[in-house]
Full PDB file with SEQRES, HELIX, SHEET, SSBOND, CRYST1, ORIGX, SCALE, CONECT and MASTER records, all heavy atoms in Angstrom:
SEQRES   1 A   41  GLY ASN ASP ILE CYS ALA THR HIS GLY ILE PRO PHE GLU          
SEQRES   2 A   41  ILE LEU HIS PRO LEU ILE ALA GLU THR ILE GLU LYS ILE          
SEQRES   3 A   41  THR GLN ILE ASN PRO ASP LEU ALA GLN THR GLY PRO ALA          
SEQRES   4 A   41  LEU ARG                                                      
HELIX    1 AA1 ASN A    2  THR A    7  1                                   6    
HELIX    2 AA2 PHE A   12  LEU A   15  5                                   4    
HELIX    3 AA3 HIS A   16  LYS A   25  1                                  10    
HELIX    4 AA4 PRO A   31  ALA A   34  1                                   4    
CRYST1    1.000    1.000    1.000  90.00  90.00  90.00 P 1           1          
ORIGX1      1.000000  0.000000  0.000000        0.00000                         
ORIGX2      0.000000  1.000000  0.000000        0.00000                         
ORIGX3      0.000000  0.000000  1.000000        0.00000                         
SCALE1      1.000000  0.000000  0.000000        0.00000                         
SCALE2      0.000000  1.000000  0.000000        0.00000                         
SCALE3      0.000000  0.000000  1.000000        0.00000                         
ATOM      1  N   GLY A   1      -6.766   2.868  -6.674  1.00  0.00           N  
ATOM      2  CA  GLY A   1      -5.739   1.886  -7.030  1.00  0.00           C  
ATOM      3  C   GLY A   1      -6.315   0.757  -7.861  1.00  0.00           C  
ATOM      4  O   GLY A   1      -5.700   0.300  -8.838  1.00  0.00           O  
ATOM      5  N   ASN A   2      -7.510   0.311  -7.499  1.00  0.00           N  
ATOM      6  CA  ASN A   2      -8.194  -0.740  -8.258  1.00  0.00           C  
ATOM      7  C   ASN A   2      -8.518  -0.261  -9.668  1.00  0.00           C  
ATOM      8  O   ASN A   2      -8.347  -1.006 -10.645  1.00  0.00           O  
ATOM      9  CB  ASN A   2      -9.472  -1.157  -7.535  1.00  0.00           C  
ATOM     10  CG  ASN A   2     -10.208  -2.275  -8.231  1.00  0.00           C  
ATOM     11  OD1 ASN A   2      -9.699  -3.382  -8.347  1.00  0.00           O  
ATOM     12  ND2 ASN A   2     -11.411  -1.986  -8.722  1.00  0.00           N  
ATOM     13  N   ASP A   3      -8.984   0.986  -9.790  1.00  0.00           N  
ATOM     14  CA  ASP A   3      -9.308   1.547 -11.107  1.00  0.00           C  
ATOM     15  C   ASP A   3      -8.070   1.630 -11.999  1.00  0.00           C  
ATOM     16  O   ASP A   3      -8.128   1.312 -13.196  1.00  0.00           O  
ATOM     17  CB  ASP A   3      -9.917   2.942 -10.957  1.00  0.00           C  
ATOM     18  CG  ASP A   3     -11.301   2.917 -10.336  1.00  0.00           C  
ATOM     19  OD1 ASP A   3     -11.934   1.841 -10.331  1.00  0.00           O  
ATOM     20  OD2 ASP A   3     -11.743   3.981  -9.852  1.00  0.00           O  
ATOM     21  N   ILE A   4      -6.956   2.068 -11.414  1.00  0.00           N  
ATOM     22  CA  ILE A   4      -5.708   2.190 -12.187  1.00  0.00           C  
ATOM     23  C   ILE A   4      -5.263   0.823 -12.692  1.00  0.00           C  
ATOM     24  O   ILE A   4      -4.885   0.654 -13.858  1.00  0.00           O  
ATOM     25  CB  ILE A   4      -4.608   2.850 -11.335  1.00  0.00           C  
ATOM     26  CG1 ILE A   4      -4.980   4.301 -11.023  1.00  0.00           C  
ATOM     27  CG2 ILE A   4      -3.259   2.800 -12.052  1.00  0.00           C  
ATOM     28  CD1 ILE A   4      -4.101   4.952  -9.975  1.00  0.00           C  
ATOM     29  N   CYS A   5      -5.322  -0.175 -11.804  1.00  0.00           N  
ATOM     30  CA  CYS A   5      -4.951  -1.534 -12.208  1.00  0.00           C  
ATOM     31  C   CYS A   5      -5.871  -2.041 -13.315  1.00  0.00           C  
ATOM     32  O   CYS A   5      -5.412  -2.612 -14.314  1.00  0.00           O  
ATOM     33  CB  CYS A   5      -5.011  -2.477 -11.003  1.00  0.00           C  
ATOM     34  SG  CYS A   5      -3.647  -2.292  -9.836  1.00  0.00           S  
ATOM     35  N   ALA A   6      -7.180  -1.831 -13.141  1.00  0.00           N  
ATOM     36  CA  ALA A   6      -8.152  -2.320 -14.128  1.00  0.00           C  
ATOM     37  C   ALA A   6      -7.932  -1.660 -15.480  1.00  0.00           C  
ATOM     38  O   ALA A   6      -8.035  -2.320 -16.528  1.00  0.00           O  
ATOM     39  CB  ALA A   6      -9.572  -2.055 -13.625  1.00  0.00           C  
ATOM     40  N   THR A   7      -7.609  -0.376 -15.487  1.00  0.00           N  
ATOM     41  CA  THR A   7      -7.371   0.352 -16.746  1.00  0.00           C  
ATOM     42  C   THR A   7      -6.226  -0.254 -17.533  1.00  0.00           C  
ATOM     43  O   THR A   7      -6.242  -0.285 -18.769  1.00  0.00           O  
ATOM     44  CB  THR A   7      -7.083   1.843 -16.449  1.00  0.00           C  
ATOM     45  OG1 THR A   7      -8.222   2.423 -15.817  1.00  0.00           O  
ATOM     46  CG2 THR A   7      -6.767   2.604 -17.725  1.00  0.00           C  
ATOM     47  N   HIS A   8      -5.240  -0.774 -16.812  1.00  0.00           N  
ATOM     48  CA  HIS A   8      -4.039  -1.307 -17.468  1.00  0.00           C  
ATOM     49  C   HIS A   8      -3.991  -2.834 -17.457  1.00  0.00           C  
ATOM     50  O   HIS A   8      -2.938  -3.427 -17.732  1.00  0.00           O  
ATOM     51  CB  HIS A   8      -2.791  -0.720 -16.804  1.00  0.00           C  
ATOM     52  CG  HIS A   8      -2.696   0.774 -16.953  1.00  0.00           C  
ATOM     53  ND1 HIS A   8      -2.188   1.390 -18.077  1.00  0.00           N  
ATOM     54  CD2 HIS A   8      -3.074   1.780 -16.120  1.00  0.00           C  
ATOM     55  CE1 HIS A   8      -2.241   2.698 -17.924  1.00  0.00           C  
ATOM     56  NE2 HIS A   8      -2.769   2.961 -16.738  1.00  0.00           N  
ATOM     57  N   GLY A   9      -5.118  -3.479 -17.113  1.00  0.00           N  
ATOM     58  CA  GLY A   9      -5.201  -4.930 -17.188  1.00  0.00           C  
ATOM     59  C   GLY A   9      -4.349  -5.668 -16.168  1.00  0.00           C  
ATOM     60  O   GLY A   9      -3.851  -6.765 -16.446  1.00  0.00           O  
ATOM     61  N   ILE A  10      -4.188  -5.071 -14.989  1.00  0.00           N  
ATOM     62  CA  ILE A  10      -3.369  -5.675 -13.933  1.00  0.00           C  
ATOM     63  C   ILE A  10      -4.286  -6.131 -12.800  1.00  0.00           C  
ATOM     64  O   ILE A  10      -5.151  -5.364 -12.360  1.00  0.00           O  
ATOM     65  CB  ILE A  10      -2.344  -4.662 -13.389  1.00  0.00           C  
ATOM     66  CG1 ILE A  10      -1.438  -4.172 -14.513  1.00  0.00           C  
ATOM     67  CG2 ILE A  10      -1.518  -5.276 -12.258  1.00  0.00           C  
ATOM     68  CD1 ILE A  10      -0.558  -3.002 -14.120  1.00  0.00           C  
ATOM     69  N   PRO A  11      -4.152  -7.365 -12.290  1.00  0.00           N  
ATOM     70  CA  PRO A  11      -4.999  -7.822 -11.182  1.00  0.00           C  
ATOM     71  C   PRO A  11      -4.734  -7.010  -9.909  1.00  0.00           C  
ATOM     72  O   PRO A  11      -3.588  -6.924  -9.446  1.00  0.00           O  
ATOM     73  CB  PRO A  11      -4.593  -9.290 -10.989  1.00  0.00           C  
ATOM     74  CG  PRO A  11      -3.910  -9.681 -12.258  1.00  0.00           C  
ATOM     75  CD  PRO A  11      -3.248  -8.434 -12.768  1.00  0.00           C  
ATOM     76  N   PHE A  12      -5.767  -6.429  -9.349  1.00  0.00           N  
ATOM     77  CA  PHE A  12      -5.643  -5.628  -8.126  1.00  0.00           C  
ATOM     78  C   PHE A  12      -5.167  -6.486  -6.957  1.00  0.00           C  
ATOM     79  O   PHE A  12      -4.538  -5.987  -6.015  1.00  0.00           O  
ATOM     80  CB  PHE A  12      -6.986  -4.978  -7.798  1.00  0.00           C  
ATOM     81  CG  PHE A  12      -6.982  -4.112  -6.569  1.00  0.00           C  
ATOM     82  CD1 PHE A  12      -6.205  -2.961  -6.501  1.00  0.00           C  
ATOM     83  CD2 PHE A  12      -7.760  -4.446  -5.455  1.00  0.00           C  
ATOM     84  CE1 PHE A  12      -6.205  -2.161  -5.368  1.00  0.00           C  
ATOM     85  CE2 PHE A  12      -7.765  -3.648  -4.327  1.00  0.00           C  
ATOM     86  CZ  PHE A  12      -6.984  -2.500  -4.279  1.00  0.00           C  
ATOM     87  N   GLU A  13      -5.445  -7.791  -7.012  1.00  0.00           N  
ATOM     88  CA  GLU A  13      -5.087  -8.684  -5.905  1.00  0.00           C  
ATOM     89  C   GLU A  13      -3.582  -8.730  -5.652  1.00  0.00           C  
ATOM     90  O   GLU A  13      -3.145  -9.106  -4.564  1.00  0.00           O  
ATOM     91  CB  GLU A  13      -5.608 -10.092  -6.176  1.00  0.00           C  
ATOM     92  CG  GLU A  13      -4.968 -10.784  -7.355  1.00  0.00           C  
ATOM     93  CD  GLU A  13      -5.604 -12.132  -7.668  1.00  0.00           C  
ATOM     94  OE1 GLU A  13      -6.844 -12.243  -7.530  1.00  0.00           O  
ATOM     95  OE2 GLU A  13      -4.850 -13.044  -8.044  1.00  0.00           O  
ATOM     96  N   ILE A  14      -2.799  -8.326  -6.632  1.00  0.00           N  
ATOM     97  CA  ILE A  14      -1.340  -8.281  -6.441  1.00  0.00           C  
ATOM     98  C   ILE A  14      -0.992  -7.306  -5.309  1.00  0.00           C  
ATOM     99  O   ILE A  14       0.011  -7.477  -4.606  1.00  0.00           O  
ATOM    100  CB  ILE A  14      -0.629  -7.874  -7.750  1.00  0.00           C  
ATOM    101  CG1 ILE A  14      -0.839  -8.950  -8.827  1.00  0.00           C  
ATOM    102  CG2 ILE A  14       0.869  -7.662  -7.520  1.00  0.00           C  
ATOM    103  CD1 ILE A  14      -0.267  -8.574 -10.177  1.00  0.00           C  
ATOM    104  N   LEU A  15      -1.843  -6.296  -5.097  1.00  0.00           N  
ATOM    105  CA  LEU A  15      -1.588  -5.286  -4.068  1.00  0.00           C  
ATOM    106  C   LEU A  15      -2.121  -5.684  -2.695  1.00  0.00           C  
ATOM    107  O   LEU A  15      -1.860  -4.992  -1.710  1.00  0.00           O  
ATOM    108  CB  LEU A  15      -2.214  -3.950  -4.482  1.00  0.00           C  
ATOM    109  CG  LEU A  15      -1.603  -3.272  -5.709  1.00  0.00           C  
ATOM    110  CD1 LEU A  15      -2.412  -2.035  -6.086  1.00  0.00           C  
ATOM    111  CD2 LEU A  15      -0.155  -2.896  -5.459  1.00  0.00           C  
ATOM    112  N   HIS A  16      -2.880  -6.769  -2.614  1.00  0.00           N  
ATOM    113  CA  HIS A  16      -3.483  -7.167  -1.338  1.00  0.00           C  
ATOM    114  C   HIS A  16      -2.456  -7.347  -0.216  1.00  0.00           C  
ATOM    115  O   HIS A  16      -2.678  -6.858   0.902  1.00  0.00           O  
ATOM    116  CB  HIS A  16      -4.307  -8.442  -1.517  1.00  0.00           C  
ATOM    117  CG  HIS A  16      -5.594  -8.226  -2.249  1.00  0.00           C  
ATOM    118  ND1 HIS A  16      -6.501  -9.238  -2.511  1.00  0.00           N  
ATOM    119  CD2 HIS A  16      -6.143  -7.103  -2.788  1.00  0.00           C  
ATOM    120  CE1 HIS A  16      -7.530  -8.753  -3.177  1.00  0.00           C  
ATOM    121  NE2 HIS A  16      -7.340  -7.461  -3.360  1.00  0.00           N  
ATOM    122  N   PRO A  17      -1.330  -8.046  -0.452  1.00  0.00           N  
ATOM    123  CA  PRO A  17      -0.346  -8.194   0.639  1.00  0.00           C  
ATOM    124  C   PRO A  17       0.235  -6.861   1.099  1.00  0.00           C  
ATOM    125  O   PRO A  17       0.508  -6.675   2.289  1.00  0.00           O  
ATOM    126  CB  PRO A  17       0.735  -9.091   0.014  1.00  0.00           C  
ATOM    127  CG  PRO A  17       0.029  -9.839  -1.061  1.00  0.00           C  
ATOM    128  CD  PRO A  17      -0.959  -8.866  -1.629  1.00  0.00           C  
ATOM    129  N   LEU A  18       0.426  -5.920   0.162  1.00  0.00           N  
ATOM    130  CA  LEU A  18       0.932  -4.603   0.524  1.00  0.00           C  
ATOM    131  C   LEU A  18      -0.071  -3.863   1.404  1.00  0.00           C  
ATOM    132  O   LEU A  18       0.301  -3.239   2.408  1.00  0.00           O  
ATOM    133  CB  LEU A  18       1.214  -3.788  -0.741  1.00  0.00           C  
ATOM    134  CG  LEU A  18       1.639  -2.333  -0.521  1.00  0.00           C  
ATOM    135  CD1 LEU A  18       2.948  -2.268   0.255  1.00  0.00           C  
ATOM    136  CD2 LEU A  18       1.748  -1.603  -1.854  1.00  0.00           C  
ATOM    137  N   ILE A  19      -1.345  -3.956   1.034  1.00  0.00           N  
ATOM    138  CA  ILE A  19      -2.394  -3.318   1.836  1.00  0.00           C  
ATOM    139  C   ILE A  19      -2.429  -3.917   3.239  1.00  0.00           C  
ATOM    140  O   ILE A  19      -2.500  -3.195   4.240  1.00  0.00           O  
ATOM    141  CB  ILE A  19      -3.768  -3.469   1.150  1.00  0.00           C  
ATOM    142  CG1 ILE A  19      -3.789  -2.682  -0.169  1.00  0.00           C  
ATOM    143  CG2 ILE A  19      -4.889  -2.996   2.074  1.00  0.00           C  
ATOM    144  CD1 ILE A  19      -5.009  -2.966  -1.020  1.00  0.00           C  
ATOM    145  N   ALA A  20      -2.362  -5.246   3.303  1.00  0.00           N  
ATOM    146  CA  ALA A  20      -2.402  -5.934   4.599  1.00  0.00           C  
ATOM    147  C   ALA A  20      -1.210  -5.542   5.474  1.00  0.00           C  
ATOM    148  O   ALA A  20      -1.358  -5.297   6.679  1.00  0.00           O  
ATOM    149  CB  ALA A  20      -2.438  -7.449   4.390  1.00  0.00           C  
ATOM    150  N   GLU A  21      -0.008  -5.461   4.879  1.00  0.00           N  
ATOM    151  CA  GLU A  21       1.190  -5.098   5.639  1.00  0.00           C  
ATOM    152  C   GLU A  21       1.126  -3.647   6.099  1.00  0.00           C  
ATOM    153  O   GLU A  21       1.539  -3.320   7.223  1.00  0.00           O  
ATOM    154  CB  GLU A  21       2.434  -5.315   4.782  1.00  0.00           C  
ATOM    155  CG  GLU A  21       3.741  -4.833   5.407  1.00  0.00           C  
ATOM    156  CD  GLU A  21       4.086  -5.522   6.717  1.00  0.00           C  
ATOM    157  OE1 GLU A  21       3.542  -6.620   6.990  1.00  0.00           O  
ATOM    158  OE2 GLU A  21       4.907  -4.965   7.474  1.00  0.00           O  
ATOM    159  N   THR A  22       0.588  -2.776   5.273  1.00  0.00           N  
ATOM    160  CA  THR A  22       0.448  -1.365   5.634  1.00  0.00           C  
ATOM    161  C   THR A  22      -0.440  -1.216   6.857  1.00  0.00           C  
ATOM    162  O   THR A  22      -0.121  -0.478   7.796  1.00  0.00           O  
ATOM    163  CB  THR A  22      -0.141  -0.567   4.458  1.00  0.00           C  
ATOM    164  OG1 THR A  22       0.716  -0.693   3.317  1.00  0.00           O  
ATOM    165  CG2 THR A  22      -0.288   0.899   4.821  1.00  0.00           C  
ATOM    166  N   ILE A  23      -1.563  -1.927   6.857  1.00  0.00           N  
ATOM    167  CA  ILE A  23      -2.496  -1.860   7.971  1.00  0.00           C  
ATOM    168  C   ILE A  23      -1.894  -2.487   9.226  1.00  0.00           C  
ATOM    169  O   ILE A  23      -1.994  -1.948  10.329  1.00  0.00           O  
ATOM    170  CB  ILE A  23      -3.821  -2.538   7.598  1.00  0.00           C  
ATOM    171  CG1 ILE A  23      -4.505  -1.765   6.466  1.00  0.00           C  
ATOM    172  CG2 ILE A  23      -4.742  -2.643   8.813  1.00  0.00           C  
ATOM    173  CD1 ILE A  23      -5.693  -2.467   5.862  1.00  0.00           C  
ATOM    174  N   GLU A  24      -1.245  -3.640   9.052  1.00  0.00           N  
ATOM    175  CA  GLU A  24      -0.642  -4.324  10.187  1.00  0.00           C  
ATOM    176  C   GLU A  24       0.465  -3.481  10.825  1.00  0.00           C  
ATOM    177  O   GLU A  24       0.600  -3.400  12.051  1.00  0.00           O  
ATOM    178  CB  GLU A  24      -0.077  -5.673   9.738  1.00  0.00           C  
ATOM    179  CG  GLU A  24       0.678  -6.444  10.807  1.00  0.00           C  
ATOM    180  CD  GLU A  24      -0.211  -6.907  11.948  1.00  0.00           C  
ATOM    181  OE1 GLU A  24      -1.451  -6.968  11.760  1.00  0.00           O  
ATOM    182  OE2 GLU A  24       0.327  -7.208  13.028  1.00  0.00           O  
ATOM    183  N   LYS A  25       1.230  -2.809   9.987  1.00  0.00           N  
ATOM    184  CA  LYS A  25       2.373  -2.040  10.469  1.00  0.00           C  
ATOM    185  C   LYS A  25       1.959  -0.914  11.409  1.00  0.00           C  
ATOM    186  O   LYS A  25       2.582  -0.690  12.448  1.00  0.00           O  
ATOM    187  CB  LYS A  25       3.148  -1.461   9.283  1.00  0.00           C  
ATOM    188  CG  LYS A  25       4.478  -0.804   9.661  1.00  0.00           C  
ATOM    189  CD  LYS A  25       5.108  -0.094   8.476  1.00  0.00           C  
ATOM    190  CE  LYS A  25       5.490  -1.052   7.366  1.00  0.00           C  
ATOM    191  NZ  LYS A  25       6.188  -0.344   6.260  1.00  0.00           N  
ATOM    192  N   ILE A  26       0.876  -0.198  11.064  1.00  0.00           N  
ATOM    193  CA  ILE A  26       0.509   0.963  11.880  1.00  0.00           C  
ATOM    194  C   ILE A  26      -0.195   0.559  13.175  1.00  0.00           C  
ATOM    195  O   ILE A  26      -0.494   1.415  14.007  1.00  0.00           O  
ATOM    196  CB  ILE A  26      -0.340   1.979  11.080  1.00  0.00           C  
ATOM    197  CG1 ILE A  26      -1.633   1.359  10.536  1.00  0.00           C  
ATOM    198  CG2 ILE A  26       0.497   2.597   9.978  1.00  0.00           C  
ATOM    199  CD1 ILE A  26      -2.826   1.549  11.403  1.00  0.00           C  
ATOM    200  N   THR A  27      -0.464  -0.740  13.349  1.00  0.00           N  
ATOM    201  CA  THR A  27      -0.949  -1.206  14.649  1.00  0.00           C  
ATOM    202  C   THR A  27       0.218  -1.505  15.586  1.00  0.00           C  
ATOM    203  O   THR A  27       0.017  -1.713  16.778  1.00  0.00           O  
ATOM    204  CB  THR A  27      -1.808  -2.482  14.508  1.00  0.00           C  
ATOM    205  OG1 THR A  27      -0.997  -3.574  14.056  1.00  0.00           O  
ATOM    206  CG2 THR A  27      -2.950  -2.268  13.538  1.00  0.00           C  
ATOM    207  N   GLN A  28       1.441  -1.485  15.047  1.00  0.00           N  
ATOM    208  CA  GLN A  28       2.622  -1.820  15.839  1.00  0.00           C  
ATOM    209  C   GLN A  28       3.560  -0.640  16.043  1.00  0.00           C  
ATOM    210  O   GLN A  28       4.285  -0.580  17.038  1.00  0.00           O  
ATOM    211  CB  GLN A  28       3.371  -2.976  15.181  1.00  0.00           C  
ATOM    212  CG  GLN A  28       2.545  -4.249  15.070  1.00  0.00           C  
ATOM    213  CD  GLN A  28       3.298  -5.375  14.386  1.00  0.00           C  
ATOM    214  OE1 GLN A  28       4.506  -5.317  14.175  1.00  0.00           O  
ATOM    215  NE2 GLN A  28       2.576  -6.422  14.010  1.00  0.00           N  
ATOM    216  N   ILE A  29       3.583   0.280  15.088  1.00  0.00           N  
ATOM    217  CA  ILE A  29       4.435   1.460  15.217  1.00  0.00           C  
ATOM    218  C   ILE A  29       3.626   2.702  14.852  1.00  0.00           C  
ATOM    219  O   ILE A  29       2.582   2.625  14.210  1.00  0.00           O  
ATOM    220  CB  ILE A  29       5.696   1.375  14.329  1.00  0.00           C  
ATOM    221  CG1 ILE A  29       5.314   1.331  12.838  1.00  0.00           C  
ATOM    222  CG2 ILE A  29       6.542   0.180  14.707  1.00  0.00           C  
ATOM    223  CD1 ILE A  29       6.519   1.367  11.906  1.00  0.00           C  
ATOM    224  N   ASN A  30       4.124   3.860  15.252  1.00  0.00           N  
ATOM    225  CA  ASN A  30       3.475   5.126  14.944  1.00  0.00           C  
ATOM    226  C   ASN A  30       3.409   5.313  13.430  1.00  0.00           C  
ATOM    227  O   ASN A  30       4.407   5.079  12.735  1.00  0.00           O  
ATOM    228  CB  ASN A  30       4.278   6.263  15.587  1.00  0.00           C  
ATOM    229  CG  ASN A  30       3.573   7.599  15.495  1.00  0.00           C  
ATOM    230  OD1 ASN A  30       3.262   8.082  14.411  1.00  0.00           O  
ATOM    231  ND2 ASN A  30       3.330   8.210  16.646  1.00  0.00           N  
ATOM    232  N   PRO A  31       2.260   5.736  12.891  1.00  0.00           N  
ATOM    233  CA  PRO A  31       2.151   5.939  11.436  1.00  0.00           C  
ATOM    234  C   PRO A  31       3.218   6.874  10.873  1.00  0.00           C  
ATOM    235  O   PRO A  31       3.632   6.711   9.713  1.00  0.00           O  
ATOM    236  CB  PRO A  31       0.749   6.537  11.270  1.00  0.00           C  
ATOM    237  CG  PRO A  31      -0.017   6.029  12.436  1.00  0.00           C  
ATOM    238  CD  PRO A  31       0.972   5.960  13.565  1.00  0.00           C  
ATOM    239  N   ASP A  32       3.672   7.837  11.676  1.00  0.00           N  
ATOM    240  CA  ASP A  32       4.734   8.729  11.200  1.00  0.00           C  
ATOM    241  C   ASP A  32       5.997   7.946  10.852  1.00  0.00           C  
ATOM    242  O   ASP A  32       6.709   8.277   9.897  1.00  0.00           O  
ATOM    243  CB  ASP A  32       5.074   9.766  12.268  1.00  0.00           C  
ATOM    244  CG  ASP A  32       3.995  10.830  12.404  1.00  0.00           C  
ATOM    245  OD1 ASP A  32       3.117  10.885  11.515  1.00  0.00           O  
ATOM    246  OD2 ASP A  32       4.017  11.590  13.388  1.00  0.00           O  
ATOM    247  N   LEU A  33       6.286   6.907  11.638  1.00  0.00           N  
ATOM    248  CA  LEU A  33       7.478   6.095  11.406  1.00  0.00           C  
ATOM    249  C   LEU A  33       7.285   5.091  10.283  1.00  0.00           C  
ATOM    250  O   LEU A  33       8.261   4.536   9.769  1.00  0.00           O  
ATOM    251  CB  LEU A  33       7.864   5.353  12.694  1.00  0.00           C  
ATOM    252  CG  LEU A  33       8.149   6.227  13.917  1.00  0.00           C  
ATOM    253  CD1 LEU A  33       8.434   5.348  15.137  1.00  0.00           C  
ATOM    254  CD2 LEU A  33       9.316   7.157  13.637  1.00  0.00           C  
ATOM    255  N   ALA A  34       6.041   4.853   9.898  1.00  0.00           N  
ATOM    256  CA  ALA A  34       5.740   3.862   8.857  1.00  0.00           C  
ATOM    257  C   ALA A  34       5.712   4.470   7.457  1.00  0.00           C  
ATOM    258  O   ALA A  34       5.639   3.745   6.470  1.00  0.00           O  
ATOM    259  CB  ALA A  34       4.400   3.189   9.150  1.00  0.00           C  
ATOM    260  N   GLN A  35       5.779   5.811   7.389  1.00  0.00           N  
ATOM    261  CA  GLN A  35       5.654   6.470   6.087  1.00  0.00           C  
ATOM    262  C   GLN A  35       6.842   6.150   5.180  1.00  0.00           C  
ATOM    263  O   GLN A  35       7.998   6.250   5.585  1.00  0.00           O  
ATOM    264  CB  GLN A  35       5.545   7.988   6.271  1.00  0.00           C  
ATOM    265  CG  GLN A  35       5.244   8.743   4.990  1.00  0.00           C  
ATOM    266  CD  GLN A  35       3.847   8.430   4.470  1.00  0.00           C  
ATOM    267  OE1 GLN A  35       2.869   8.589   5.189  1.00  0.00           O  
ATOM    268  NE2 GLN A  35       3.756   7.978   3.233  1.00  0.00           N  
ATOM    269  N   THR A  36       6.555   5.758   3.951  1.00  0.00           N  
ATOM    270  CA  THR A  36       7.585   5.519   2.940  1.00  0.00           C  
ATOM    271  C   THR A  36       7.101   6.135   1.632  1.00  0.00           C  
ATOM    272  O   THR A  36       6.046   6.764   1.583  1.00  0.00           O  
ATOM    273  CB  THR A  36       7.832   4.009   2.730  1.00  0.00           C  
ATOM    274  OG1 THR A  36       6.610   3.387   2.291  1.00  0.00           O  
ATOM    275  CG2 THR A  36       8.311   3.341   4.009  1.00  0.00           C  
ATOM    276  N   GLY A  37       7.860   5.948   0.545  1.00  0.00           N  
ATOM    277  CA  GLY A  37       7.399   6.353  -0.775  1.00  0.00           C  
ATOM    278  C   GLY A  37       8.142   7.527  -1.375  1.00  0.00           C  
ATOM    279  O   GLY A  37       8.955   8.184  -0.718  1.00  0.00           O  
ATOM    280  N   PRO A  38       7.866   7.814  -2.649  1.00  0.00           N  
ATOM    281  CA  PRO A  38       8.598   8.869  -3.371  1.00  0.00           C  
ATOM    282  C   PRO A  38       8.388  10.267  -2.805  1.00  0.00           C  
ATOM    283  O   PRO A  38       9.298  11.100  -2.880  1.00  0.00           O  
ATOM    284  CB  PRO A  38       8.048   8.760  -4.804  1.00  0.00           C  
ATOM    285  CG  PRO A  38       6.748   8.038  -4.679  1.00  0.00           C  
ATOM    286  CD  PRO A  38       6.909   7.120  -3.513  1.00  0.00           C  
ATOM    287  N   ALA A  39       7.219  10.543  -2.225  1.00  0.00           N  
ATOM    288  CA  ALA A  39       6.991  11.868  -1.650  1.00  0.00           C  
ATOM    289  C   ALA A  39       7.922  12.101  -0.470  1.00  0.00           C  
ATOM    290  O   ALA A  39       8.530  13.171  -0.343  1.00  0.00           O  
ATOM    291  CB  ALA A  39       5.532  12.010  -1.215  1.00  0.00           C  
ATOM    292  N   LEU A  40       8.047  11.111   0.397  1.00  0.00           N  
ATOM    293  CA  LEU A  40       8.929  11.229   1.566  1.00  0.00           C  
ATOM    294  C   LEU A  40      10.382  11.377   1.128  1.00  0.00           C  
ATOM    295  O   LEU A  40      11.145  12.141   1.717  1.00  0.00           O  
ATOM    296  CB  LEU A  40       8.769   9.995   2.459  1.00  0.00           C  
ATOM    297  CG  LEU A  40       9.608   9.992   3.735  1.00  0.00           C  
ATOM    298  CD1 LEU A  40       9.069  11.002   4.735  1.00  0.00           C  
ATOM    299  CD2 LEU A  40       9.634   8.599   4.364  1.00  0.00           C  
ATOM    300  N   ARG A  41      10.770  10.649   0.077  1.00  0.00           N  
ATOM    301  CA  ARG A  41      12.159  10.676  -0.410  1.00  0.00           C  
ATOM    302  C   ARG A  41      12.445  11.901  -1.281  1.00  0.00           C  
ATOM    303  O   ARG A  41      13.589  12.130  -1.669  1.00  0.00           O  
ATOM    304  CB  ARG A  41      12.454   9.411  -1.220  1.00  0.00           C  
ATOM    305  CG  ARG A  41      12.317   8.106  -0.458  1.00  0.00           C  
ATOM    306  CD  ARG A  41      12.913   6.947  -1.265  1.00  0.00           C  
ATOM    307  NE  ARG A  41      12.290   6.816  -2.579  1.00  0.00           N  
ATOM    308  CZ  ARG A  41      11.221   6.058  -2.847  1.00  0.00           C  
ATOM    309  NH1 ARG A  41      10.647   5.385  -1.849  1.00  0.00           N  
ATOM    310  NH2 ARG A  41      10.728   5.981  -4.068  1.00  0.00           N  
TER     311      ARG A  41                                                      
MASTER        0    0    0    4    0    0    0    6  310    1    0    4          
END                                                                             
């Protein structure tokens, strides 16, 4: 993800809150219930 952002001149830090929420979420609910994204849809 960092490489993709760097290739296109986008600060990777924009994704930090998403990473933090992803990690926090699976400490509270089953990872199966936390799955989102285009593959699931």
